Amino acid sequence: MTPNLTRLAALTLVAALLSPACKKKEERTLATVDGRAISQAEFDAYLRFKRVKAAEKPQAEKALDEYLEREALASAIEKAGALDQPAIEAELHEFKKEMLISRYFEKFLAEKVTDDAVKNFYESNRARYEEKKVHVAHILVRTNKAMSDTERQAKLTTAQQIHSKLKSGSDFAELAASDSEDKISGKKGGDLGWLEAGSIDPRFSKKVFELKEGEISEPFETAFGFHVVKVLEGEKTISRPFQAVAGDIRHELRNKAKQAELERLKSKLNISKKDAYTPAASAAPAPLPSGSGAELNTPNASAGTRLGDKG
């Protein structure tokens, strides 16, 4: 028996297990398979599962023929006794549990986390979706950890000389283009665009949000080197629009609602464990061959920042 055929039989039985015909005898019988009545209600449930419209008779009749054939095939295979019946029953039971839990939470969350709920959360928590931004430009004199104190001091002196030129009236954009070692921003007059608070190096972020519009900083150091910064446009608070955050809000609300409902359901469970499990000898897994261990490789993550991009 092929795996596909086994799974076909399993899924057919699952449909029967979950259908109303398993719980209630219906008066109208469409057919019998090996003496088992196939009711109208059972087949209607199958049509809904397969998304076949019952009103479209040709498609419904074709689906009924296929359904009866699969029922008969599954019955014949089961009677043949060639398969591990306990294993099949265990798999069927897992299918049923998985489906019940999944379908329950689909319905629960659809009713709990509505469009109105998402919108109301946004309106009640607008501060969460406000971003403080500032428009800045910088001139960078690079340093690295391998530099000696003398080399680092020379870099600081260069940054101080650049700052002196700016205080004397030199154009910031021209100096950024000629002297900045961040060549990418240097081509744009040192312009880094609008930076969000906390999204960049903490020392850089703290410094630029302390400056006023048009103000130029003294040289200060980050991991990238010495910066001289100019605030092109002062701090602004920008609200992210609802459409931009609705998906994130819905995801958050669904996770919270699901966890709360899961805890509620668990609190009502009635479980009585009688004894510790002791595996039978036949159930013990076969030992792995010598030297068959597997290694788990975790890729290294890399992160970048535009403060010190090299050109």
C-alpha atoms as a PDB file:
ATOM      1  CA  MET A   1       0.000   0.000   0.000  1.00  0.00           C
ATOM      2  CA  THR A   2       1.463   3.346  -1.015  1.00  0.00           C
ATOM      3  CA  PRO A   3       1.768   6.217   1.510  1.00  0.00           C
ATOM      4  CA  ASN A   4      -0.587   8.366  -0.594  1.00  0.00           C
ATOM      5  CA  LEU A   5      -3.271   5.692  -0.538  1.00  0.00           C
ATOM      6  CA  THR A   6      -2.868   5.236   3.201  1.00  0.00           C
ATOM      7  CA  ARG A   7      -3.222   8.967   3.737  1.00  0.00           C
ATOM      8  CA  LEU A   8      -6.234   9.021   1.397  1.00  0.00           C
ATOM      9  CA  ALA A   9      -7.949   6.409   3.544  1.00  0.00           C
ATOM     10  CA  ALA A  10      -6.986   8.257   6.717  1.00  0.00           C
ATOM     11  CA  LEU A  11      -8.333  11.589   5.585  1.00  0.00           C
ATOM     12  CA  THR A  12     -11.563   9.992   4.368  1.00  0.00           C
ATOM     13  CA  LEU A  13     -12.067   8.468   7.791  1.00  0.00           C
ATOM     14  CA  VAL A  14     -11.311  11.796   9.460  1.00  0.00           C
ATOM     15  CA  ALA A  15     -14.093  13.414   7.444  1.00  0.00           C
ATOM     16  CA  ALA A  16     -16.447  10.699   8.650  1.00  0.00           C
ATOM     17  CA  LEU A  17     -15.327  11.076  12.255  1.00  0.00           C
ATOM     18  CA  LEU A  18     -15.996  14.813  12.214  1.00  0.00           C
ATOM     19  CA  SER A  19     -19.290  14.713  10.333  1.00  0.00           C
ATOM     20  CA  PRO A  20     -22.735  14.901  11.971  1.00  0.00           C
ATOM     21  CA  ALA A  21     -23.473  11.370  10.688  1.00  0.00           C
ATOM     22  CA  CYS A  22     -21.160  10.004  13.382  1.00  0.00           C
ATOM     23  CA  LYS A  23     -23.335  11.503  16.074  1.00  0.00           C
ATOM     24  CA  LYS A  24     -26.840  11.373  14.715  1.00  0.00           C
ATOM     25  CA  LYS A  25     -28.667   8.937  12.499  1.00  0.00           C
ATOM     26  CA  GLU A  26     -30.173  10.707   9.511  1.00  0.00           C
ATOM     27  CA  GLU A  27     -33.321   9.548   7.792  1.00  0.00           C
ATOM     28  CA  ARG A  28     -32.192  10.103   4.223  1.00  0.00           C
ATOM     29  CA  THR A  29     -29.569   7.631   2.989  1.00  0.00           C
ATOM     30  CA  LEU A  30     -27.762   8.332  -0.274  1.00  0.00           C
ATOM     31  CA  ALA A  31     -25.907   5.012  -0.515  1.00  0.00           C
ATOM     32  CA  THR A  32     -24.404   2.189   1.483  1.00  0.00           C
ATOM     33  CA  VAL A  33     -20.791   1.088   1.496  1.00  0.00           C
ATOM     34  CA  ASP A  34     -20.128  -2.354   2.924  1.00  0.00           C
ATOM     35  CA  GLY A  35     -23.383  -2.054   4.824  1.00  0.00           C
ATOM     36  CA  ARG A  36     -22.643   1.418   6.270  1.00  0.00           C
ATOM     37  CA  ALA A  37     -25.215   4.055   5.408  1.00  0.00           C
ATOM     38  CA  ILE A  38     -23.931   7.246   3.808  1.00  0.00           C
ATOM     39  CA  SER A  39     -26.345   9.967   4.893  1.00  0.00           C
ATOM     40  CA  GLN A  40     -27.267  13.232   3.222  1.00  0.00           C
ATOM     41  CA  ALA A  41     -25.832  15.171   6.184  1.00  0.00           C
ATOM     42  CA  GLU A  42     -22.506  13.325   5.978  1.00  0.00           C
ATOM     43  CA  PHE A  43     -22.129  14.048   2.274  1.00  0.00           C
ATOM     44  CA  ASP A  44     -23.238  17.678   2.670  1.00  0.00           C
ATOM     45  CA  ALA A  45     -20.461  18.141   5.240  1.00  0.00           C
ATOM     46  CA  TYR A  46     -17.993  16.661   2.748  1.00  0.00           C
ATOM     47  CA  LEU A  47     -19.196  19.092   0.038  1.00  0.00           C
ATOM     48  CA  ARG A  48     -18.613  22.017   2.378  1.00  0.00           C
ATOM     49  CA  PHE A  49     -15.146  20.698   3.157  1.00  0.00           C
ATOM     50  CA  LYS A  50     -14.332  20.398  -0.563  1.00  0.00           C
ATOM     51  CA  ARG A  51     -16.032  23.727  -1.328  1.00  0.00           C
ATOM     52  CA  VAL A  52     -18.367  22.140  -3.856  1.00  0.00           C
ATOM     53  CA  LYS A  53     -21.745  23.851  -4.246  1.00  0.00           C
ATOM     54  CA  ALA A  54     -24.533  21.370  -3.622  1.00  0.00           C
ATOM     55  CA  ALA A  55     -26.785  23.305  -5.999  1.00  0.00           C
ATOM     56  CA  GLU A  56     -24.477  22.482  -8.906  1.00  0.00           C
ATOM     57  CA  LYS A  57     -25.800  18.975  -9.445  1.00  0.00           C
ATOM     58  CA  PRO A  58     -23.246  17.683 -12.032  1.00  0.00           C
ATOM     59  CA  GLN A  59     -20.336  18.592  -9.771  1.00  0.00           C
ATOM     60  CA  ALA A  60     -22.153  17.271  -6.697  1.00  0.00           C
ATOM     61  CA  GLU A  61     -22.967  13.968  -8.394  1.00  0.00           C
ATOM     62  CA  LYS A  62     -19.364  13.567  -9.510  1.00  0.00           C
ATOM     63  CA  ALA A  63     -18.178  14.340  -5.995  1.00  0.00           C
ATOM     64  CA  LEU A  64     -20.608  11.748  -4.596  1.00  0.00           C
ATOM     65  CA  ASP A  65     -19.295   9.043  -6.931  1.00  0.00           C
ATOM     66  CA  GLU A  66     -15.715   9.856  -5.905  1.00  0.00           C
ATOM     67  CA  TYR A  67     -16.663   9.963  -2.236  1.00  0.00           C
ATOM     68  CA  LEU A  68     -18.349   6.545  -2.356  1.00  0.00           C
ATOM     69  CA  GLU A  69     -15.446   5.028  -4.254  1.00  0.00           C
ATOM     70  CA  ARG A  70     -12.956   6.342  -1.686  1.00  0.00           C
ATOM     71  CA  GLU A  71     -15.155   5.095   1.157  1.00  0.00           C
ATOM     72  CA  ALA A  72     -15.267   1.630  -0.392  1.00  0.00           C
ATOM     73  CA  LEU A  73     -11.535   1.667  -1.072  1.00  0.00           C
ATOM     74  CA  ALA A  74     -10.746   2.715   2.494  1.00  0.00           C
ATOM     75  CA  SER A  75     -13.091   0.036   3.839  1.00  0.00           C
ATOM     76  CA  ALA A  76     -11.481  -2.674   1.708  1.00  0.00           C
ATOM     77  CA  ILE A  77      -8.003  -1.654   2.795  1.00  0.00           C
ATOM     78  CA  GLU A  78      -9.021  -1.610   6.445  1.00  0.00           C
ATOM     79  CA  LYS A  79     -10.541  -5.070   6.204  1.00  0.00           C
ATOM     80  CA  ALA A  80      -7.431  -6.450   4.504  1.00  0.00           C
ATOM     81  CA  GLY A  81      -5.504  -5.886   7.744  1.00  0.00           C
ATOM     82  CA  ALA A  82      -2.240  -5.247   5.908  1.00  0.00           C
ATOM     83  CA  LEU A  83      -1.553  -1.970   7.711  1.00  0.00           C
ATOM     84  CA  ASP A  84      -0.579  -1.111  11.274  1.00  0.00           C
ATOM     85  CA  GLN A  85      -4.076  -0.311  12.514  1.00  0.00           C
ATOM     86  CA  PRO A  86      -3.054   1.170  15.911  1.00  0.00           C
ATOM     87  CA  ALA A  87      -0.620   3.514  14.119  1.00  0.00           C
ATOM     88  CA  ILE A  88      -3.367   4.594  11.712  1.00  0.00           C
ATOM     89  CA  GLU A  89      -5.775   5.185  14.579  1.00  0.00           C
ATOM     90  CA  ALA A  90      -3.134   7.255  16.384  1.00  0.00           C
ATOM     91  CA  GLU A  91      -2.563   9.347  13.261  1.00  0.00           C
ATOM     92  CA  LEU A  92      -6.307   9.810  12.763  1.00  0.00           C
ATOM     93  CA  HIS A  93      -6.686  10.900  16.362  1.00  0.00           C
ATOM     94  CA  GLU A  94      -3.883  13.443  15.955  1.00  0.00           C
ATOM     95  CA  PHE A  95      -5.486  14.759  12.748  1.00  0.00           C
ATOM     96  CA  LYS A  96      -8.740  15.203  14.613  1.00  0.00           C
ATOM     97  CA  LYS A  97      -7.150  16.992  17.574  1.00  0.00           C
ATOM     98  CA  GLU A  98      -5.130  19.265  15.322  1.00  0.00           C
ATOM     99  CA  MET A  99      -8.184  20.123  13.259  1.00  0.00           C
ATOM    100  CA  LEU A 100     -10.412  20.767  16.275  1.00  0.00           C
ATOM    101  CA  ILE A 101      -7.885  23.072  17.928  1.00  0.00           C
ATOM    102  CA  SER A 102      -7.058  24.891  14.687  1.00  0.00           C
ATOM    103  CA  ARG A 103     -10.664  25.420  13.621  1.00  0.00           C
ATOM    104  CA  TYR A 104     -11.683  26.539  17.102  1.00  0.00           C
ATOM    105  CA  PHE A 105      -9.034  29.251  17.237  1.00  0.00           C
ATOM    106  CA  GLU A 106      -9.753  30.352  13.662  1.00  0.00           C
ATOM    107  CA  LYS A 107     -13.359  30.999  14.672  1.00  0.00           C
ATOM    108  CA  PHE A 108     -12.514  32.435  18.081  1.00  0.00           C
ATOM    109  CA  LEU A 109      -9.928  34.913  16.762  1.00  0.00           C
ATOM    110  CA  ALA A 110     -12.089  35.990  13.827  1.00  0.00           C
ATOM    111  CA  GLU A 111     -14.791  36.961  16.312  1.00  0.00           C
ATOM    112  CA  LYS A 112     -12.436  38.399  18.931  1.00  0.00           C
ATOM    113  CA  VAL A 113     -10.003  40.433  16.811  1.00  0.00           C
ATOM    114  CA  THR A 114     -12.257  42.373  14.457  1.00  0.00           C
ATOM    115  CA  ASP A 115     -11.422  45.365  12.255  1.00  0.00           C
ATOM    116  CA  ASP A 116     -13.070  47.588  14.870  1.00  0.00           C
ATOM    117  CA  ALA A 117     -10.921  46.076  17.627  1.00  0.00           C
ATOM    118  CA  VAL A 118      -7.766  46.804  15.651  1.00  0.00           C
ATOM    119  CA  LYS A 119      -8.856  50.383  14.921  1.00  0.00           C
ATOM    120  CA  ASN A 120      -9.829  51.007  18.572  1.00  0.00           C
ATOM    121  CA  PHE A 121      -6.448  49.745  19.764  1.00  0.00           C
ATOM    122  CA  TYR A 122      -4.681  52.146  17.399  1.00  0.00           C
ATOM    123  CA  GLU A 123      -6.758  55.115  18.576  1.00  0.00           C
ATOM    124  CA  SER A 124      -6.176  54.233  22.245  1.00  0.00           C
ATOM    125  CA  ASN A 125      -2.426  53.768  21.822  1.00  0.00           C
ATOM    126  CA  ARG A 126      -1.440  56.471  19.352  1.00  0.00           C
ATOM    127  CA  ALA A 127       1.687  57.337  21.345  1.00  0.00           C
ATOM    128  CA  ARG A 128       3.086  53.894  20.526  1.00  0.00           C
ATOM    129  CA  TYR A 129       3.027  54.752  16.838  1.00  0.00           C
ATOM    130  CA  GLU A 130       4.705  58.137  17.056  1.00  0.00           C
ATOM    131  CA  GLU A 131       8.307  58.465  15.944  1.00  0.00           C
ATOM    132  CA  LYS A 132      10.739  61.228  16.831  1.00  0.00           C
ATOM    133  CA  LYS A 133      12.947  62.052  13.862  1.00  0.00           C
ATOM    134  CA  VAL A 134      15.604  64.581  13.027  1.00  0.00           C
ATOM    135  CA  HIS A 135      17.203  65.436   9.678  1.00  0.00           C
ATOM    136  CA  VAL A 136      20.998  65.465   9.981  1.00  0.00           C
ATOM    137  CA  ALA A 137      24.219  65.520   8.008  1.00  0.00           C
ATOM    138  CA  HIS A 138      27.659  64.484   9.209  1.00  0.00           C
ATOM    139  CA  ILE A 139      31.317  64.531   8.353  1.00  0.00           C
ATOM    140  CA  LEU A 140      33.133  61.385   9.466  1.00  0.00           C
ATOM    141  CA  VAL A 141      36.811  60.858  10.266  1.00  0.00           C
ATOM    142  CA  ARG A 142      37.187  57.101  10.612  1.00  0.00           C
ATOM    143  CA  THR A 143      38.916  55.231  13.430  1.00  0.00           C
ATOM    144  CA  ASN A 144      39.304  51.551  14.248  1.00  0.00           C
ATOM    145  CA  LYS A 145      40.200  49.443  17.273  1.00  0.00           C
ATOM    146  CA  ALA A 146      43.655  48.623  15.944  1.00  0.00           C
ATOM    147  CA  MET A 147      44.786  52.271  16.000  1.00  0.00           C
ATOM    148  CA  SER A 148      47.330  53.435  18.533  1.00  0.00           C
ATOM    149  CA  ASP A 149      46.635  56.369  20.840  1.00  0.00           C
ATOM    150  CA  THR A 150      48.845  58.536  18.635  1.00  0.00           C
ATOM    151  CA  GLU A 151      46.910  57.606  15.495  1.00  0.00           C
ATOM    152  CA  ARG A 152      43.584  58.179  17.244  1.00  0.00           C
ATOM    153  CA  GLN A 153      44.757  61.591  18.462  1.00  0.00           C
ATOM    154  CA  ALA A 154      45.718  62.502  14.902  1.00  0.00           C
ATOM    155  CA  LYS A 155      42.219  61.602  13.727  1.00  0.00           C
ATOM    156  CA  LEU A 156      40.681  63.747  16.468  1.00  0.00           C
ATOM    157  CA  THR A 157      42.900  66.653  15.425  1.00  0.00           C
ATOM    158  CA  THR A 158      41.643  66.274  11.832  1.00  0.00           C
ATOM    159  CA  ALA A 159      38.028  66.354  13.046  1.00  0.00           C
ATOM    160  CA  GLN A 160      38.756  69.441  15.143  1.00  0.00           C
ATOM    161  CA  GLN A 161      40.297  71.182  12.139  1.00  0.00           C
ATOM    162  CA  ILE A 162      37.154  70.437  10.109  1.00  0.00           C
ATOM    163  CA  HIS A 163      35.033  71.855  12.922  1.00  0.00           C
ATOM    164  CA  SER A 164      37.180  75.028  13.010  1.00  0.00           C
ATOM    165  CA  LYS A 165      36.680  75.533   9.269  1.00  0.00           C
ATOM    166  CA  LEU A 166      32.928  75.239   9.726  1.00  0.00           C
ATOM    167  CA  LYS A 167      32.955  77.748  12.588  1.00  0.00           C
ATOM    168  CA  SER A 168      34.884  80.095  10.298  1.00  0.00           C
ATOM    169  CA  GLY A 169      32.121  79.949   7.704  1.00  0.00           C
ATOM    170  CA  SER A 170      33.086  77.064   5.413  1.00  0.00           C
ATOM    171  CA  ASP A 171      30.164  75.331   3.717  1.00  0.00           C
ATOM    172  CA  PHE A 172      29.211  72.090   5.449  1.00  0.00           C
ATOM    173  CA  ALA A 173      28.142  70.261   2.282  1.00  0.00           C
ATOM    174  CA  GLU A 174      31.393  71.181   0.489  1.00  0.00           C
ATOM    175  CA  LEU A 175      33.542  70.002   3.385  1.00  0.00           C
ATOM    176  CA  ALA A 176      31.534  66.770   3.639  1.00  0.00           C
ATOM    177  CA  ALA A 177      32.134  66.098  -0.051  1.00  0.00           C
ATOM    178  CA  SER A 178      35.875  66.747   0.211  1.00  0.00           C
ATOM    179  CA  ASP A 179      36.838  65.638   3.727  1.00  0.00           C
ATOM    180  CA  SER A 180      34.308  63.078   5.014  1.00  0.00           C
ATOM    181  CA  GLU A 181      35.471  59.473   4.989  1.00  0.00           C
ATOM    182  CA  ASP A 182      31.858  58.351   4.687  1.00  0.00           C
ATOM    183  CA  LYS A 183      31.926  58.659   0.913  1.00  0.00           C
ATOM    184  CA  ILE A 184      28.302  57.649   0.359  1.00  0.00           C
ATOM    185  CA  SER A 185      26.815  60.447   2.449  1.00  0.00           C
ATOM    186  CA  GLY A 186      29.692  62.722   1.451  1.00  0.00           C
ATOM    187  CA  LYS A 187      28.423  62.744  -2.144  1.00  0.00           C
ATOM    188  CA  LYS A 188      25.166  64.176  -0.761  1.00  0.00           C
ATOM    189  CA  GLY A 189      26.811  66.849   1.347  1.00  0.00           C
ATOM    190  CA  GLY A 190      26.916  64.522   4.362  1.00  0.00           C
ATOM    191  CA  ASP A 191      23.112  64.160   4.385  1.00  0.00           C
ATOM    192  CA  LEU A 192      21.969  61.079   6.342  1.00  0.00           C
ATOM    193  CA  GLY A 193      18.255  61.799   5.906  1.00  0.00           C
ATOM    194  CA  TRP A 194      15.670  61.648   8.657  1.00  0.00           C
ATOM    195  CA  LEU A 195      16.909  59.501  11.535  1.00  0.00           C
ATOM    196  CA  GLU A 196      14.586  57.942  14.089  1.00  0.00           C
ATOM    197  CA  ALA A 197      15.476  58.163  17.767  1.00  0.00           C
ATOM    198  CA  GLY A 198      17.076  54.958  18.985  1.00  0.00           C
ATOM    199  CA  SER A 199      17.494  53.469  15.509  1.00  0.00           C
ATOM    200  CA  ILE A 200      21.193  54.392  15.281  1.00  0.00           C
ATOM    201  CA  ASP A 201      24.285  54.305  17.487  1.00  0.00           C
ATOM    202  CA  PRO A 202      23.158  55.430  20.995  1.00  0.00           C
ATOM    203  CA  ARG A 203      25.881  58.075  21.313  1.00  0.00           C
ATOM    204  CA  PHE A 204      25.121  59.454  17.857  1.00  0.00           C
ATOM    205  CA  SER A 205      21.361  59.458  18.542  1.00  0.00           C
ATOM    206  CA  LYS A 206      21.777  61.218  21.897  1.00  0.00           C
ATOM    207  CA  LYS A 207      23.983  63.911  20.406  1.00  0.00           C
ATOM    208  CA  VAL A 208      21.861  64.781  17.359  1.00  0.00           C
ATOM    209  CA  PHE A 209      18.643  64.990  19.357  1.00  0.00           C
ATOM    210  CA  GLU A 210      20.310  67.466  21.716  1.00  0.00           C
ATOM    211  CA  LEU A 211      21.113  69.878  18.873  1.00  0.00           C
ATOM    212  CA  LYS A 212      18.883  72.618  17.520  1.00  0.00           C
ATOM    213  CA  GLU A 213      18.089  73.179  13.874  1.00  0.00           C
ATOM    214  CA  GLY A 214      21.117  74.588  12.042  1.00  0.00           C
ATOM    215  CA  GLU A 215      23.478  73.832  14.954  1.00  0.00           C
ATOM    216  CA  ILE A 216      26.821  72.115  14.357  1.00  0.00           C
ATOM    217  CA  SER A 217      28.287  69.774  16.973  1.00  0.00           C
ATOM    218  CA  GLU A 218      31.774  69.585  18.371  1.00  0.00           C
ATOM    219  CA  PRO A 219      33.614  66.437  17.197  1.00  0.00           C
ATOM    220  CA  PHE A 220      32.398  63.375  19.112  1.00  0.00           C
ATOM    221  CA  GLU A 221      33.309  59.711  18.826  1.00  0.00           C
ATOM    222  CA  THR A 222      31.331  56.539  18.081  1.00  0.00           C
ATOM    223  CA  ALA A 223      32.493  53.079  17.036  1.00  0.00           C
ATOM    224  CA  PHE A 224      32.843  54.423  13.475  1.00  0.00           C
ATOM    225  CA  GLY A 225      35.110  57.339  14.282  1.00  0.00           C
ATOM    226  CA  PHE A 226      34.816  61.062  14.972  1.00  0.00           C
ATOM    227  CA  HIS A 227      31.714  62.852  13.728  1.00  0.00           C
ATOM    228  CA  VAL A 228      30.917  66.486  13.160  1.00  0.00           C
ATOM    229  CA  VAL A 229      27.143  66.772  12.812  1.00  0.00           C
ATOM    230  CA  LYS A 230      24.798  69.465  11.525  1.00  0.00           C
ATOM    231  CA  VAL A 231      21.051  69.395  12.155  1.00  0.00           C
ATOM    232  CA  LEU A 232      19.443  70.285   8.842  1.00  0.00           C
ATOM    233  CA  GLU A 233      15.870  70.147  10.173  1.00  0.00           C
ATOM    234  CA  GLY A 234      14.918  70.020  13.831  1.00  0.00           C
ATOM    235  CA  GLU A 235      13.143  67.256  15.714  1.00  0.00           C
ATOM    236  CA  LYS A 236       9.673  66.280  14.513  1.00  0.00           C
ATOM    237  CA  THR A 237       7.146  63.836  15.902  1.00  0.00           C
ATOM    238  CA  ILE A 238       5.610  61.816  13.089  1.00  0.00           C
ATOM    239  CA  SER A 239       2.630  59.498  13.563  1.00  0.00           C
ATOM    240  CA  ARG A 240       2.674  56.293  11.577  1.00  0.00           C
ATOM    241  CA  PRO A 241      -0.625  55.969   9.692  1.00  0.00           C
ATOM    242  CA  PHE A 242      -3.124  53.296  10.705  1.00  0.00           C
ATOM    243  CA  GLN A 243      -2.719  51.435   7.416  1.00  0.00           C
ATOM    244  CA  ALA A 244       1.012  51.059   8.046  1.00  0.00           C
ATOM    245  CA  VAL A 245       0.594  49.438  11.471  1.00  0.00           C
ATOM    246  CA  ALA A 246      -2.791  47.658  11.229  1.00  0.00           C
ATOM    247  CA  GLY A 247      -1.155  44.333  10.347  1.00  0.00           C
ATOM    248  CA  ASP A 248       1.205  44.512  13.312  1.00  0.00           C
ATOM    249  CA  ILE A 249      -1.648  45.441  15.664  1.00  0.00           C
ATOM    250  CA  ARG A 250      -3.808  42.574  14.419  1.00  0.00           C
ATOM    251  CA  HIS A 251      -0.923  40.123  14.872  1.00  0.00           C
ATOM    252  CA  GLU A 252      -0.303  41.384  18.417  1.00  0.00           C
ATOM    253  CA  LEU A 253      -3.981  41.255  19.401  1.00  0.00           C
ATOM    254  CA  ARG A 254      -4.436  37.775  17.958  1.00  0.00           C
ATOM    255  CA  ASN A 255      -1.410  36.451  19.825  1.00  0.00           C
ATOM    256  CA  LYS A 256      -2.606  37.941  23.111  1.00  0.00           C
ATOM    257  CA  ALA A 257      -6.173  36.737  22.616  1.00  0.00           C
ATOM    258  CA  LYS A 258      -5.039  33.250  21.664  1.00  0.00           C
ATOM    259  CA  GLN A 259      -2.737  32.966  24.665  1.00  0.00           C
ATOM    260  CA  ALA A 260      -5.462  34.183  27.050  1.00  0.00           C
ATOM    261  CA  GLU A 261      -8.021  31.769  25.620  1.00  0.00           C
ATOM    262  CA  LEU A 262      -5.520  28.930  25.707  1.00  0.00           C
ATOM    263  CA  GLU A 263      -4.866  29.581  29.386  1.00  0.00           C
ATOM    264  CA  ARG A 264      -8.615  29.735  30.063  1.00  0.00           C
ATOM    265  CA  LEU A 265      -9.201  26.413  28.324  1.00  0.00           C
ATOM    266  CA  LYS A 266      -6.259  24.783  30.102  1.00  0.00           C
ATOM    267  CA  SER A 267      -7.635  25.882  33.454  1.00  0.00           C
ATOM    268  CA  LYS A 268     -10.750  23.808  32.764  1.00  0.00           C
ATOM    269  CA  LEU A 269      -8.999  20.639  31.609  1.00  0.00           C
ATOM    270  CA  ASN A 270      -9.756  17.440  33.481  1.00  0.00           C
ATOM    271  CA  ILE A 271      -6.655  15.238  33.363  1.00  0.00           C
ATOM    272  CA  SER A 272      -5.966  12.353  35.727  1.00  0.00           C
ATOM    273  CA  LYS A 273      -2.590  10.742  35.143  1.00  0.00           C
ATOM    274  CA  LYS A 274      -2.556   7.259  36.655  1.00  0.00           C
ATOM    275  CA  ASP A 275       1.027   6.139  36.271  1.00  0.00           C
ATOM    276  CA  ALA A 276       4.350   6.978  34.636  1.00  0.00           C
ATOM    277  CA  TYR A 277       4.836   5.742  31.100  1.00  0.00           C
ATOM    278  CA  THR A 278       7.056   2.689  30.661  1.00  0.00           C
ATOM    279  CA  PRO A 279       7.820   1.893  27.004  1.00  0.00           C
ATOM    280  CA  ALA A 280       7.420  -1.659  25.801  1.00  0.00           C
ATOM    281  CA  ALA A 281      10.553  -3.353  24.466  1.00  0.00           C
ATOM    282  CA  SER A 282       9.108  -3.361  20.950  1.00  0.00           C
ATOM    283  CA  ALA A 283       8.478   0.379  21.128  1.00  0.00           C
ATOM    284  CA  ALA A 284      12.077   1.331  21.910  1.00  0.00           C
ATOM    285  CA  PRO A 285      13.772   3.160  19.007  1.00  0.00           C
ATOM    286  CA  ALA A 286      16.606   1.353  17.255  1.00  0.00           C
ATOM    287  CA  PRO A 287      20.081   2.591  18.272  1.00  0.00           C
ATOM    288  CA  LEU A 288      21.794   4.924  15.820  1.00  0.00           C
ATOM    289  CA  PRO A 289      24.871   3.614  14.010  1.00  0.00           C
ATOM    290  CA  SER A 290      28.202   4.720  15.395  1.00  0.00           C
ATOM    291  CA  GLY A 291      29.295   8.132  14.130  1.00  0.00           C
ATOM    292  CA  SER A 292      25.860   9.135  12.856  1.00  0.00           C
ATOM    293  CA  GLY A 293      25.569  12.309  14.905  1.00  0.00           C
ATOM    294  CA  ALA A 294      24.365  15.436  13.180  1.00  0.00           C
ATOM    295  CA  GLU A 295      25.810  18.878  13.594  1.00  0.00           C
ATOM    296  CA  LEU A 296      23.600  21.907  13.887  1.00  0.00           C
ATOM    297  CA  ASN A 297      24.926  24.910  12.018  1.00  0.00           C
ATOM    298  CA  THR A 298      23.607  28.350  12.821  1.00  0.00           C
ATOM    299  CA  PRO A 299      24.302  31.016  10.210  1.00  0.00           C
ATOM    300  CA  ASN A 300      25.957  34.149  11.467  1.00  0.00           C
ATOM    301  CA  ALA A 301      23.798  37.238  11.341  1.00  0.00           C
ATOM    302  CA  SER A 302      25.291  40.431  10.059  1.00  0.00           C
ATOM    303  CA  ALA A 303      24.039  43.909  10.693  1.00  0.00           C
ATOM    304  CA  GLY A 304      24.868  47.133   8.977  1.00  0.00           C
ATOM    305  CA  THR A 305      24.418  50.797   9.636  1.00  0.00           C
ATOM    306  CA  ARG A 306      24.481  53.761   7.349  1.00  0.00           C
ATOM    307  CA  LEU A 307      26.458  55.950   9.734  1.00  0.00           C
ATOM    308  CA  GLY A 308      29.725  54.544   8.521  1.00  0.00           C
ATOM    309  CA  ASP A 309      28.993  53.073   5.081  1.00  0.00           C
ATOM    310  CA  LYS A 310      32.029  52.900   2.922  1.00  0.00           C
ATOM    311  CA  GLY A 311      31.951  54.171  -0.619  1.00  0.00           C
END
